[in-house]
Protein backbone atom coordinates (compact mmCIF):
# COMPACT_ATOMS: atom_id res chain seq x y z
CA MET A 1 147.43 58.92 98.23
CA PRO A 2 149.89 61.49 100.00
CA ARG A 3 152.41 59.75 102.19
CA GLY A 4 151.28 61.65 105.19
CA LEU A 5 147.69 60.46 105.02
CA GLY A 6 148.79 56.77 104.18
CA ALA A 7 150.88 56.82 107.46
CA LEU A 8 147.59 58.03 109.41
CA ALA A 9 145.90 55.52 107.60
CA VAL A 10 148.03 52.73 108.79
CA LEU A 11 147.57 54.43 112.48
CA GLY A 12 143.95 54.17 112.23
CA ALA A 13 143.88 50.67 111.14
CA ALA A 14 146.36 49.47 113.75
CA PHE A 15 144.15 51.54 116.18
CA LEU A 16 141.32 49.28 115.35
CA VAL A 17 142.72 45.90 114.70
CA LEU A 18 145.40 45.69 117.53
CA PRO A 19 142.81 45.63 120.39
CA PRO A 20 141.18 42.53 119.24
CA ALA A 21 144.33 41.11 118.10
CA ALA A 22 145.60 41.51 121.72
CA LEU A 23 142.52 40.05 122.92
CA VAL A 24 143.33 36.71 120.65
CA TRP A 25 146.93 36.73 121.78
CA ARG A 26 146.26 36.85 125.43
CA ALA A 27 143.47 34.32 125.34
CA PRO A 28 143.93 31.20 127.88
CA TRP A 29 143.63 28.88 124.95
CA GLY A 30 144.82 25.73 127.11
CA SER A 31 141.68 26.55 129.62
CA THR A 32 139.21 27.82 127.07
CA LEU A 33 136.86 24.91 126.91
CA HIS A 34 137.09 24.36 130.69
CA ARG A 35 136.02 27.72 131.54
CA LEU A 36 133.13 27.89 128.45
CA ALA A 37 131.88 24.70 130.25
CA ASP A 38 131.37 26.43 133.45
CA PRO A 39 127.60 26.49 134.44
CA ALA A 40 127.68 30.16 135.15
CA THR A 41 129.05 30.96 131.70
CA LEU A 42 126.80 28.53 129.90
CA GLU A 43 123.86 30.17 131.87
CA ALA A 44 124.92 33.86 130.79
CA LEU A 45 125.55 32.54 127.28
CA ARG A 46 122.27 30.90 126.98
CA LEU A 47 120.36 34.03 128.43
CA SER A 48 122.37 36.12 125.96
CA LEU A 49 121.40 34.22 122.94
CA VAL A 50 117.50 33.87 124.10
CA SER A 51 117.32 37.56 125.07
CA ALA A 52 119.21 38.75 121.69
CA SER A 53 116.95 36.37 119.61
CA SER A 54 113.93 37.63 121.32
CA ALA A 55 114.99 41.35 121.02
CA THR A 56 115.72 40.76 117.40
CA ALA A 57 112.21 39.11 116.99
CA LEU A 58 110.55 42.00 118.56
CA SER A 59 112.42 44.41 116.47
CA LEU A 60 111.48 42.85 113.49
CA VAL A 61 107.77 43.07 114.42
CA LEU A 62 107.68 46.40 115.18
CA GLY A 63 110.80 47.79 113.19
CA VAL A 64 109.83 46.92 109.70
CA PRO A 65 106.31 48.58 109.84
CA LEU A 66 107.98 51.49 111.24
CA ALA A 67 110.40 51.53 108.52
CA TRP A 68 107.82 51.08 105.91
CA PHE A 69 106.07 54.08 107.31
CA LEU A 70 109.09 56.39 107.27
CA ALA A 71 110.09 55.12 103.81
CA ARG A 72 106.60 55.73 102.21
CA SER A 73 105.55 58.82 104.05
CA ALA A 74 105.99 62.23 102.75
CA ALA A 75 104.67 64.25 105.44
CA ARG A 76 107.10 66.77 106.69
CA ARG A 77 106.45 65.65 110.23
CA VAL A 78 107.87 62.38 109.60
CA ARG A 79 111.42 63.89 109.73
CA LEU A 80 110.89 64.67 113.17
CA LEU A 81 109.88 61.17 113.80
CA ARG A 82 112.80 59.55 112.07
CA ALA A 83 114.98 61.62 114.14
CA LEU A 84 113.54 60.38 117.40
CA VAL A 85 113.65 56.91 116.09
CA THR A 86 117.20 57.03 115.51
CA VAL A 87 118.06 58.76 118.94
CA PRO A 88 118.98 55.59 120.39
CA LEU A 89 121.86 55.08 117.95
CA VAL A 90 123.58 58.16 119.59
CA LEU A 91 122.18 57.91 123.18
CA PRO A 92 124.37 56.44 125.73
CA PRO A 93 123.02 53.13 126.51
CA VAL A 94 122.95 53.97 130.28
CA VAL A 95 120.78 56.94 129.51
CA GLY A 96 118.29 54.67 127.61
CA GLY A 97 118.21 52.46 130.54
CA VAL A 98 117.46 55.10 132.79
CA ALA A 99 114.79 56.43 130.27
CA LEU A 100 113.24 52.73 130.25
CA LEU A 101 113.26 52.83 134.14
CA LEU A 102 111.44 56.04 134.40
CA LEU A 103 108.81 54.75 131.69
CA LEU A 104 108.28 51.21 132.99
CA GLY A 105 109.38 51.36 136.57
CA ARG A 106 107.13 50.68 139.49
CA ARG A 107 106.89 54.44 139.74
CA GLY A 108 107.29 55.06 135.78
CA LEU A 109 104.70 56.84 133.58
CA LEU A 110 103.51 53.40 132.41
CA GLY A 111 105.02 51.04 134.86
CA GLN A 112 102.85 52.24 137.85
CA TYR A 113 99.73 51.42 135.90
CA LEU A 114 101.14 47.98 134.89
CA ASP A 115 101.82 47.37 138.58
CA ALA A 116 98.60 48.62 139.93
CA TRP A 117 96.27 47.18 137.45
CA PHE A 118 97.99 43.87 136.71
CA GLY A 119 100.54 43.44 139.04
CA VAL A 120 103.04 43.42 136.30
CA GLN A 121 106.62 44.48 137.40
CA ILE A 122 109.14 44.62 134.29
CA PRO A 123 112.49 45.79 135.79
CA PHE A 124 114.79 43.36 136.87
CA THR A 125 113.45 40.65 134.85
CA THR A 126 114.38 38.68 131.89
CA LEU A 127 111.74 40.85 129.81
CA ALA A 128 113.59 43.83 130.98
CA VAL A 129 116.66 42.52 129.28
CA VAL A 130 114.61 41.74 126.09
CA LEU A 131 113.11 45.57 126.13
CA ALA A 132 116.75 46.80 126.81
CA GLU A 133 118.24 45.40 123.95
CA ALA A 134 115.26 45.97 121.61
CA PHE A 135 115.43 49.66 122.32
CA VAL A 136 119.27 50.15 121.63
CA ALA A 137 119.09 47.54 118.74
CA MET A 138 115.99 48.45 116.79
CA PRO A 139 117.29 51.53 115.20
CA PHE A 140 119.81 49.45 113.26
CA LEU A 141 117.10 47.61 111.63
CA VAL A 142 114.94 50.36 110.94
CA VAL A 143 117.82 52.14 109.25
CA SER A 144 118.68 49.40 107.20
CA VAL A 145 115.24 48.42 106.21
CA GLU A 146 114.04 51.99 105.36
CA GLY A 147 117.22 52.50 103.15
CA ALA A 148 116.29 49.47 100.92
CA LEU A 149 112.63 50.41 100.66
CA ARG A 150 113.71 53.91 99.62
CA GLY A 151 116.09 52.31 97.01
CA LEU A 152 113.30 50.16 95.67
CA ASP A 153 111.84 51.02 92.30
CA ARG A 154 108.13 51.73 92.94
CA ARG A 155 107.21 50.62 89.35
CA PHE A 156 107.17 47.14 90.70
CA GLU A 157 104.57 47.87 93.23
CA ASP A 158 102.50 49.96 90.62
CA ALA A 159 102.59 47.11 88.21
CA ALA A 160 101.45 44.63 90.94
CA ALA A 161 98.58 47.09 91.70
CA THR A 162 97.64 47.36 87.84
CA LEU A 163 97.55 43.50 87.85
CA GLY A 164 95.04 43.28 90.56
CA ALA A 165 97.38 42.46 93.56
CA GLY A 166 96.14 43.50 96.90
CA ALA A 167 98.48 45.52 99.34
CA TRP A 168 99.20 42.62 101.64
CA TYR A 169 99.83 40.35 98.53
CA THR A 170 102.32 42.99 96.94
CA ALA A 171 104.09 43.45 100.48
CA ARG A 172 104.99 39.78 100.74
CA ARG A 173 105.40 38.70 97.11
CA VAL A 174 106.86 41.72 95.86
CA VAL A 175 108.38 44.35 98.31
CA LEU A 176 109.68 42.05 101.07
CA PRO A 177 111.60 39.74 98.49
CA ALA A 178 113.13 42.77 96.88
CA VAL A 179 114.35 44.21 100.02
CA ALA A 180 115.31 40.98 101.51
CA PRO A 181 119.18 41.77 101.54
CA GLY A 182 118.49 45.20 103.37
CA LEU A 183 116.31 43.18 105.81
CA ALA A 184 118.71 40.63 106.38
CA ALA A 185 121.47 43.00 107.08
CA GLY A 186 119.65 44.85 109.39
CA THR A 187 118.31 41.91 111.23
CA ALA A 188 122.19 40.57 111.77
CA LEU A 189 123.25 44.05 112.93
CA CYS A 190 120.30 44.11 115.10
CA PHE A 191 121.13 40.91 116.63
CA ALA A 192 124.79 41.55 117.15
CA ARG A 193 124.06 44.80 118.81
CA ALA A 194 121.59 43.18 121.25
CA LEU A 195 123.97 40.49 121.98
CA GLY A 196 126.51 42.96 122.95
CA GLU A 197 124.26 45.35 124.90
CA PHE A 198 125.53 46.42 128.49
CA GLY A 199 124.60 49.91 129.73
CA ALA A 200 120.94 49.76 129.52
CA THR A 201 120.67 46.13 130.61
CA ILE A 202 122.45 46.78 133.91
CA THR A 203 120.62 49.89 134.42
CA PHE A 204 117.08 48.66 133.74
CA ALA A 205 117.37 45.02 134.32
CA GLY A 206 120.38 44.59 136.81
CA SER A 207 122.65 41.63 137.05
CA LEU A 208 120.79 38.67 138.47
CA PRO A 209 122.43 35.30 137.75
CA GLY A 210 120.12 33.23 135.45
CA THR A 211 117.75 36.14 135.04
CA THR A 212 119.33 39.11 133.78
CA ARG A 213 123.22 38.46 133.76
CA THR A 214 123.95 38.33 130.11
CA MET A 215 127.44 37.79 128.58
CA PRO A 216 128.52 41.47 128.64
CA LEU A 217 127.51 41.82 132.45
CA ALA A 218 129.33 38.41 133.17
CA ILE A 219 132.37 39.80 131.51
CA TYR A 220 132.25 43.11 133.46
CA LEU A 221 132.05 41.17 136.78
CA ALA A 222 134.68 38.55 135.88
CA LEU A 223 137.27 41.04 134.78
CA GLN A 224 137.29 42.24 138.52
CA SER A 225 138.07 38.74 140.23
CA ASP A 226 139.18 36.53 137.19
CA PRO A 227 140.62 38.33 134.07
CA ALA A 228 141.37 34.82 132.37
CA ALA A 229 137.58 34.13 132.55
CA ALA A 230 136.64 37.55 131.20
CA ILE A 231 139.18 37.27 128.23
CA THR A 232 137.48 33.89 127.54
CA LEU A 233 133.79 35.38 127.62
CA SER A 234 135.08 38.15 125.44
CA LEU A 235 136.25 35.77 122.82
CA VAL A 236 132.66 34.51 122.39
CA LEU A 237 131.32 37.81 121.58
CA LEU A 238 134.28 38.49 119.35
CA VAL A 239 133.55 35.45 117.55
CA ALA A 240 130.06 36.23 117.19
CA SER A 241 130.90 39.74 115.89
CA VAL A 242 133.21 38.28 113.32
CA VAL A 243 130.39 35.87 112.38
CA VAL A 244 128.00 38.83 111.55
CA LEU A 245 130.54 40.55 109.48
CA VAL A 246 131.35 37.32 107.27
CA ALA A 247 127.54 36.96 106.95
CA LEU A 248 127.45 40.73 105.61
CA ARG A 249 130.83 40.64 103.71
CA GLU A 250 128.85 41.13 100.41
CA ARG A 251 127.34 44.45 101.88
CA TRP A 252 130.72 45.88 103.00
CA VAL A 253 132.84 44.44 100.22
CA PRO A 254 131.10 44.91 97.02
CA GLU A 255 133.67 42.96 95.17
CA LEU A 256 132.72 39.77 96.90
CA ARG A 257 129.17 39.94 95.23
CA PRO A 258 128.58 37.11 92.77
């Protein structure tokens, strides 16, 4: 590797590694457990875990069939659908929150009918948190599962059909086990992205204690009045991110595969 490129690689690694290292270095370790035991912190952590898990479950229910359709359909119009599905990957989260508000708000395209017909108001509720997190996180699952399905040898499905297996049986016993690593990776990435969601959540759901104030929102508020508490809460999300990376180590580092 050219010497100049090696120096730039070192700078790039430092740029990405030093900020988390600074977070760990400046953490108030002596009071970490005390701060984590604070009722407001525990409530934000509980809400984050519940909402991220719910968003991941919703993404699995809707995202896996969508990925299956994208992977198996050869129609040209599917390319446009794939592009639209992946828009949340590059869309600023705040814009996603505004879009959800215009769709499901009291005067939104669908929200006005939900309010008028059923008396249902979604914004600034825990459901709004789940929907906002699912909106920004589901594309990670869809992309991972679609890639796994595209890499699957279709001859296994053809053999199962030849032996008389139905479509649902083939899906459960042949396809899903074969794409399980991609599905697991997509699920982990989806959960991690939902756990760290901020922009769409605060725009669409607000920051109501015990209802919509997740960990990222609690960090943002704590940074203004209690930086030490913000650092402590940030450590929790950092640990969650590291856990996801460790769980996916075989996907990122092929040498670790058995």
